Amino acid sequence: MVKLNKIYTRSGDGGESGLVDGSRLAKDHVRFSAIGDVDEANAAIGFARVALENGSAADQFLARVQNDLFDLGADLATPGEVEGALRLAEGRAAALEAEIDALSDKLGPLTSFVLPGGTETAARLHLARTLVRRSERTVVALHAQSPLNPEILKYLNRLSDLLFQLARAENNLGENDILWKPGGNA
């Protein structure tokens, strides 16, 4: 477990921050951008969760997702091989796929692209989805520089799909989806 006696350390006041292996990088390094983008996506998922029924199946599943994202962040903060390092576990993307499939079975087929919105909960889930996509792009850029656990890339790709399907489910199983109309409402 983590025990923090002080929240601030002053060790980052010069624009660098430390990684799990003890190395230090500039705070604007792509590794910290990836970690920050994943953290922002996690916060958006928390924002969406408060609009869900407390303890609902979606709420409970997203609680697990938030924990996975902390593991994923620790994985990103641990370059190379470090004995006992926390890594995103293999099979977590498959768990997302199973949930996506279960949701897809309940939803009707799409007849158009879906615009973000509908209910407040769906809009929050769509916002989280877009932030997961941004974190995925940043993680891909990091992976190009320094190979990562392949489960990370699969997980983030599936997570945005899951959030899309959850948003549709929250829109009364797609009934309140706002469908794209080419050329707008003209």
C-alpha atoms as a PDB file:
ATOM      1  CA  MET A   1       0.000   0.000   0.000  1.00  0.00           C
ATOM      2  CA  VAL A   2       0.984   3.598  -0.490  1.00  0.00           C
ATOM      3  CA  LYS A   3       1.662   5.767   2.532  1.00  0.00           C
ATOM      4  CA  LEU A   4       2.219   9.477   2.009  1.00  0.00           C
ATOM      5  CA  ASN A   5       3.081  11.650   4.974  1.00  0.00           C
ATOM      6  CA  LYS A   6       3.460  14.743   2.798  1.00  0.00           C
ATOM      7  CA  ILE A   7       1.722  15.549  -0.458  1.00  0.00           C
ATOM      8  CA  TYR A   8       4.453  17.876  -1.704  1.00  0.00           C
ATOM      9  CA  THR A   9       8.117  16.919  -1.979  1.00  0.00           C
ATOM     10  CA  ARG A  10       9.618  19.933  -3.786  1.00  0.00           C
ATOM     11  CA  SER A  11      11.647  17.460  -5.879  1.00  0.00           C
ATOM     12  CA  GLY A  12       9.798  18.530  -9.039  1.00  0.00           C
ATOM     13  CA  ASP A  13      10.222  22.263  -8.584  1.00  0.00           C
ATOM     14  CA  GLY A  14      12.917  22.337 -11.283  1.00  0.00           C
ATOM     15  CA  GLY A  15      10.649  20.862 -13.942  1.00  0.00           C
ATOM     16  CA  GLU A  16      11.588  17.197 -13.576  1.00  0.00           C
ATOM     17  CA  SER A  17       9.801  14.286 -11.974  1.00  0.00           C
ATOM     18  CA  GLY A  18      10.833  10.811 -10.930  1.00  0.00           C
ATOM     19  CA  LEU A  19       9.857   7.422 -12.299  1.00  0.00           C
ATOM     20  CA  VAL A  20       9.491   4.129 -10.452  1.00  0.00           C
ATOM     21  CA  ASP A  21      12.994   3.011 -11.470  1.00  0.00           C
ATOM     22  CA  GLY A  22      14.503   6.133  -9.868  1.00  0.00           C
ATOM     23  CA  SER A  23      15.262   7.926 -13.129  1.00  0.00           C
ATOM     24  CA  ARG A  24      14.096  11.491 -13.679  1.00  0.00           C
ATOM     25  CA  LEU A  25      12.636  13.106 -16.791  1.00  0.00           C
ATOM     26  CA  ALA A  26      11.422  16.559 -17.735  1.00  0.00           C
ATOM     27  CA  LYS A  27       7.769  16.990 -16.855  1.00  0.00           C
ATOM     28  CA  ASP A  28       6.995  17.714 -20.517  1.00  0.00           C
ATOM     29  CA  HIS A  29       8.439  14.356 -21.661  1.00  0.00           C
ATOM     30  CA  VAL A  30       5.977  12.246 -23.648  1.00  0.00           C
ATOM     31  CA  ARG A  31       6.032   9.649 -20.835  1.00  0.00           C
ATOM     32  CA  PHE A  32       4.567  12.169 -18.389  1.00  0.00           C
ATOM     33  CA  SER A  33       2.139  13.394 -21.049  1.00  0.00           C
ATOM     34  CA  ALA A  34       0.897   9.807 -21.417  1.00  0.00           C
ATOM     35  CA  ILE A  35       0.614   9.347 -17.657  1.00  0.00           C
ATOM     36  CA  GLY A  36      -1.241  12.663 -17.337  1.00  0.00           C
ATOM     37  CA  ASP A  37      -3.611  11.927 -20.205  1.00  0.00           C
ATOM     38  CA  VAL A  38      -4.501   8.548 -18.666  1.00  0.00           C
ATOM     39  CA  ASP A  39      -5.076  10.275 -15.314  1.00  0.00           C
ATOM     40  CA  GLU A  40      -7.350  12.847 -16.981  1.00  0.00           C
ATOM     41  CA  ALA A  41      -9.338  10.069 -18.670  1.00  0.00           C
ATOM     42  CA  ASN A  42      -9.645   8.320 -15.311  1.00  0.00           C
ATOM     43  CA  ALA A  43     -10.975  11.521 -13.731  1.00  0.00           C
ATOM     44  CA  ALA A  44     -13.543  11.847 -16.540  1.00  0.00           C
ATOM     45  CA  ILE A  45     -14.674   8.279 -15.878  1.00  0.00           C
ATOM     46  CA  GLY A  46     -15.110   9.230 -12.221  1.00  0.00           C
ATOM     47  CA  PHE A  47     -17.160  12.235 -13.348  1.00  0.00           C
ATOM     48  CA  ALA A  48     -19.354   9.911 -15.420  1.00  0.00           C
ATOM     49  CA  ARG A  49     -19.710   7.436 -12.542  1.00  0.00           C
ATOM     50  CA  VAL A  50     -21.323  10.027 -10.259  1.00  0.00           C
ATOM     51  CA  ALA A  51     -24.150  10.312 -12.803  1.00  0.00           C
ATOM     52  CA  LEU A  52     -24.697   6.536 -12.824  1.00  0.00           C
ATOM     53  CA  GLU A  53     -26.849   4.764 -10.289  1.00  0.00           C
ATOM     54  CA  ASN A  54     -24.541   4.054  -7.346  1.00  0.00           C
ATOM     55  CA  GLY A  55     -23.731   0.354  -7.270  1.00  0.00           C
ATOM     56  CA  SER A  56     -25.255  -0.365 -10.684  1.00  0.00           C
ATOM     57  CA  ALA A  57     -23.522  -2.875 -12.931  1.00  0.00           C
ATOM     58  CA  ALA A  58     -22.068  -0.039 -15.047  1.00  0.00           C
ATOM     59  CA  ASP A  59     -20.846   1.797 -11.941  1.00  0.00           C
ATOM     60  CA  GLN A  60     -19.190  -1.335 -10.565  1.00  0.00           C
ATOM     61  CA  PHE A  61     -17.559  -2.159 -13.889  1.00  0.00           C
ATOM     62  CA  LEU A  62     -16.212   1.374 -14.251  1.00  0.00           C
ATOM     63  CA  ALA A  63     -14.834   1.187 -10.691  1.00  0.00           C
ATOM     64  CA  ARG A  64     -12.741  -1.776 -11.888  1.00  0.00           C
ATOM     65  CA  VAL A  65     -11.737   0.218 -14.968  1.00  0.00           C
ATOM     66  CA  GLN A  66     -10.530   3.084 -12.765  1.00  0.00           C
ATOM     67  CA  ASN A  67      -8.371   0.655 -10.808  1.00  0.00           C
ATOM     68  CA  ASP A  68      -7.049  -0.797 -14.072  1.00  0.00           C
ATOM     69  CA  LEU A  69      -6.115   2.712 -15.192  1.00  0.00           C
ATOM     70  CA  PHE A  70      -4.078   3.200 -12.005  1.00  0.00           C
ATOM     71  CA  ASP A  71      -2.244  -0.055 -12.778  1.00  0.00           C
ATOM     72  CA  LEU A  72      -1.772   1.156 -16.346  1.00  0.00           C
ATOM     73  CA  GLY A  73      -0.365   4.461 -15.079  1.00  0.00           C
ATOM     74  CA  ALA A  74       2.067   2.618 -12.816  1.00  0.00           C
ATOM     75  CA  ASP A  75       3.083   0.517 -15.814  1.00  0.00           C
ATOM     76  CA  LEU A  76       3.768   3.691 -17.829  1.00  0.00           C
ATOM     77  CA  ALA A  77       5.785   5.119 -14.904  1.00  0.00           C
ATOM     78  CA  THR A  78       8.040   2.045 -14.862  1.00  0.00           C
ATOM     79  CA  PRO A  79      10.275   1.998 -17.932  1.00  0.00           C
ATOM     80  CA  GLY A  80      12.222  -1.158 -18.657  1.00  0.00           C
ATOM     81  CA  GLU A  81      12.444  -4.169 -16.411  1.00  0.00           C
ATOM     82  CA  VAL A  82      11.976  -3.502 -12.698  1.00  0.00           C
ATOM     83  CA  GLU A  83      11.557  -6.494 -10.415  1.00  0.00           C
ATOM     84  CA  GLY A  84       8.127  -6.575  -8.814  1.00  0.00           C
ATOM     85  CA  ALA A  85       6.850  -3.666 -10.928  1.00  0.00           C
ATOM     86  CA  LEU A  86       3.103  -3.189 -11.134  1.00  0.00           C
ATOM     87  CA  ARG A  87       1.933  -3.836 -14.679  1.00  0.00           C
ATOM     88  CA  LEU A  88      -1.472  -3.850 -16.335  1.00  0.00           C
ATOM     89  CA  ALA A  89      -2.371  -7.528 -16.202  1.00  0.00           C
ATOM     90  CA  GLU A  90      -2.756  -9.583 -19.341  1.00  0.00           C
ATOM     91  CA  GLY A  91      -6.401 -10.260 -20.127  1.00  0.00           C
ATOM     92  CA  ARG A  92      -7.787  -6.925 -18.952  1.00  0.00           C
ATOM     93  CA  ALA A  93      -8.567  -5.908 -22.560  1.00  0.00           C
ATOM     94  CA  ALA A  94     -10.418  -9.212 -22.982  1.00  0.00           C
ATOM     95  CA  ALA A  95     -12.566  -8.334 -19.941  1.00  0.00           C
ATOM     96  CA  LEU A  96     -13.530  -5.089 -21.686  1.00  0.00           C
ATOM     97  CA  GLU A  97     -14.382  -7.022 -24.852  1.00  0.00           C
ATOM     98  CA  ALA A  98     -16.724  -9.304 -22.907  1.00  0.00           C
ATOM     99  CA  GLU A  99     -18.532  -6.287 -21.456  1.00  0.00           C
ATOM    100  CA  ILE A 100     -18.720  -4.616 -24.888  1.00  0.00           C
ATOM    101  CA  ASP A 101     -20.224  -7.801 -26.345  1.00  0.00           C
ATOM    102  CA  ALA A 102     -22.810  -7.991 -23.542  1.00  0.00           C
ATOM    103  CA  LEU A 103     -23.816  -4.373 -24.148  1.00  0.00           C
ATOM    104  CA  SER A 104     -23.896  -4.860 -27.917  1.00  0.00           C
ATOM    105  CA  ASP A 105     -26.349  -7.732 -27.513  1.00  0.00           C
ATOM    106  CA  LYS A 106     -28.789  -5.321 -25.804  1.00  0.00           C
ATOM    107  CA  LEU A 107     -28.356  -2.433 -28.256  1.00  0.00           C
ATOM    108  CA  GLY A 108     -29.886  -2.195 -31.684  1.00  0.00           C
ATOM    109  CA  PRO A 109     -27.661  -1.838 -34.723  1.00  0.00           C
ATOM    110  CA  LEU A 110     -26.354   1.611 -35.568  1.00  0.00           C
ATOM    111  CA  THR A 111     -27.919   3.295 -38.591  1.00  0.00           C
ATOM    112  CA  SER A 112     -25.741   6.417 -38.416  1.00  0.00           C
ATOM    113  CA  PHE A 113     -22.860   7.884 -36.478  1.00  0.00           C
ATOM    114  CA  VAL A 114     -23.808   8.937 -32.945  1.00  0.00           C
ATOM    115  CA  LEU A 115     -23.178  12.493 -31.809  1.00  0.00           C
ATOM    116  CA  PRO A 116     -22.033  12.944 -28.204  1.00  0.00           C
ATOM    117  CA  GLY A 117     -24.981  13.775 -25.992  1.00  0.00           C
ATOM    118  CA  GLY A 118     -28.460  12.516 -25.275  1.00  0.00           C
ATOM    119  CA  THR A 119     -28.740  12.155 -21.521  1.00  0.00           C
ATOM    120  CA  GLU A 120     -26.344  13.842 -19.098  1.00  0.00           C
ATOM    121  CA  THR A 121     -24.838  10.488 -18.173  1.00  0.00           C
ATOM    122  CA  ALA A 122     -24.292   9.583 -21.818  1.00  0.00           C
ATOM    123  CA  ALA A 123     -22.665  12.973 -22.476  1.00  0.00           C
ATOM    124  CA  ARG A 124     -20.264  12.394 -19.565  1.00  0.00           C
ATOM    125  CA  LEU A 125     -19.409   8.929 -20.905  1.00  0.00           C
ATOM    126  CA  HIS A 126     -18.773  10.398 -24.368  1.00  0.00           C
ATOM    127  CA  LEU A 127     -16.445  12.989 -22.826  1.00  0.00           C
ATOM    128  CA  ALA A 128     -14.563  10.213 -21.030  1.00  0.00           C
ATOM    129  CA  ARG A 129     -14.380   8.297 -24.325  1.00  0.00           C
ATOM    130  CA  THR A 130     -12.726  11.224 -26.105  1.00  0.00           C
ATOM    131  CA  LEU A 131     -10.190  11.621 -23.310  1.00  0.00           C
ATOM    132  CA  VAL A 132      -9.377   7.909 -23.470  1.00  0.00           C
ATOM    133  CA  ARG A 133      -8.794   8.333 -27.224  1.00  0.00           C
ATOM    134  CA  ARG A 134      -6.412  11.225 -26.554  1.00  0.00           C
ATOM    135  CA  SER A 135      -4.540   9.183 -23.966  1.00  0.00           C
ATOM    136  CA  GLU A 136      -4.311   6.354 -26.497  1.00  0.00           C
ATOM    137  CA  ARG A 137      -2.682   8.688 -29.046  1.00  0.00           C
ATOM    138  CA  THR A 138      -0.142   9.884 -26.481  1.00  0.00           C
ATOM    139  CA  VAL A 139       0.619   6.328 -25.342  1.00  0.00           C
ATOM    140  CA  VAL A 140       1.143   5.284 -28.979  1.00  0.00           C
ATOM    141  CA  ALA A 141       3.670   8.130 -29.341  1.00  0.00           C
ATOM    142  CA  LEU A 142       5.471   6.924 -26.208  1.00  0.00           C
ATOM    143  CA  HIS A 143       5.397   3.330 -27.458  1.00  0.00           C
ATOM    144  CA  ALA A 144       7.139   4.476 -30.664  1.00  0.00           C
ATOM    145  CA  GLN A 145      10.006   5.793 -28.503  1.00  0.00           C
ATOM    146  CA  SER A 146      10.073   3.117 -25.832  1.00  0.00           C
ATOM    147  CA  PRO A 147       8.213  -0.208 -26.246  1.00  0.00           C
ATOM    148  CA  LEU A 148       5.453  -0.714 -23.686  1.00  0.00           C
ATOM    149  CA  ASN A 149       3.418  -3.589 -22.327  1.00  0.00           C
ATOM    150  CA  PRO A 150       1.237  -4.496 -25.356  1.00  0.00           C
ATOM    151  CA  GLU A 151      -1.800  -4.913 -23.071  1.00  0.00           C
ATOM    152  CA  ILE A 152      -1.778  -1.125 -22.532  1.00  0.00           C
ATOM    153  CA  LEU A 153      -2.443  -0.327 -26.192  1.00  0.00           C
ATOM    154  CA  LYS A 154      -5.167  -2.973 -26.495  1.00  0.00           C
ATOM    155  CA  TYR A 155      -6.790  -1.849 -23.246  1.00  0.00           C
ATOM    156  CA  LEU A 156      -7.068   1.823 -24.167  1.00  0.00           C
ATOM    157  CA  ASN A 157      -8.407   0.958 -27.625  1.00  0.00           C
ATOM    158  CA  ARG A 158     -11.118  -1.283 -26.149  1.00  0.00           C
ATOM    159  CA  LEU A 159     -11.911   1.152 -23.319  1.00  0.00           C
ATOM    160  CA  SER A 160     -13.051   3.876 -25.699  1.00  0.00           C
ATOM    161  CA  ASP A 161     -15.316   1.318 -27.413  1.00  0.00           C
ATOM    162  CA  LEU A 162     -16.731   0.296 -24.030  1.00  0.00           C
ATOM    163  CA  LEU A 163     -17.466   3.906 -23.087  1.00  0.00           C
ATOM    164  CA  PHE A 164     -19.225   4.418 -26.432  1.00  0.00           C
ATOM    165  CA  GLN A 165     -21.469   1.412 -25.824  1.00  0.00           C
ATOM    166  CA  LEU A 166     -22.121   2.457 -22.221  1.00  0.00           C
ATOM    167  CA  ALA A 167     -23.176   5.908 -23.466  1.00  0.00           C
ATOM    168  CA  ARG A 168     -25.601   4.271 -25.897  1.00  0.00           C
ATOM    169  CA  ALA A 169     -26.941   2.062 -23.114  1.00  0.00           C
ATOM    170  CA  GLU A 170     -27.454   5.118 -20.906  1.00  0.00           C
ATOM    171  CA  ASN A 171     -29.380   6.727 -23.767  1.00  0.00           C
ATOM    172  CA  ASN A 172     -32.207   4.258 -23.120  1.00  0.00           C
ATOM    173  CA  LEU A 173     -30.495   1.521 -25.116  1.00  0.00           C
ATOM    174  CA  GLY A 174     -29.900   3.889 -28.014  1.00  0.00           C
ATOM    175  CA  GLU A 175     -33.411   5.395 -28.103  1.00  0.00           C
ATOM    176  CA  ASN A 176     -32.073   8.819 -27.033  1.00  0.00           C
ATOM    177  CA  ASP A 177     -28.934   8.698 -29.186  1.00  0.00           C
ATOM    178  CA  ILE A 178     -28.443  11.832 -31.254  1.00  0.00           C
ATOM    179  CA  LEU A 179     -27.721  10.609 -34.767  1.00  0.00           C
ATOM    180  CA  TRP A 180     -25.506  12.456 -37.222  1.00  0.00           C
ATOM    181  CA  LYS A 181     -27.310  13.919 -40.204  1.00  0.00           C
ATOM    182  CA  PRO A 182     -25.001  14.748 -43.112  1.00  0.00           C
ATOM    183  CA  GLY A 183     -25.248  18.452 -43.818  1.00  0.00           C
ATOM    184  CA  GLY A 184     -26.838  19.161 -40.435  1.00  0.00           C
ATOM    185  CA  ASN A 185     -30.517  19.834 -39.980  1.00  0.00           C
ATOM    186  CA  ALA A 186     -30.980  21.638 -43.321  1.00  0.00           C
END
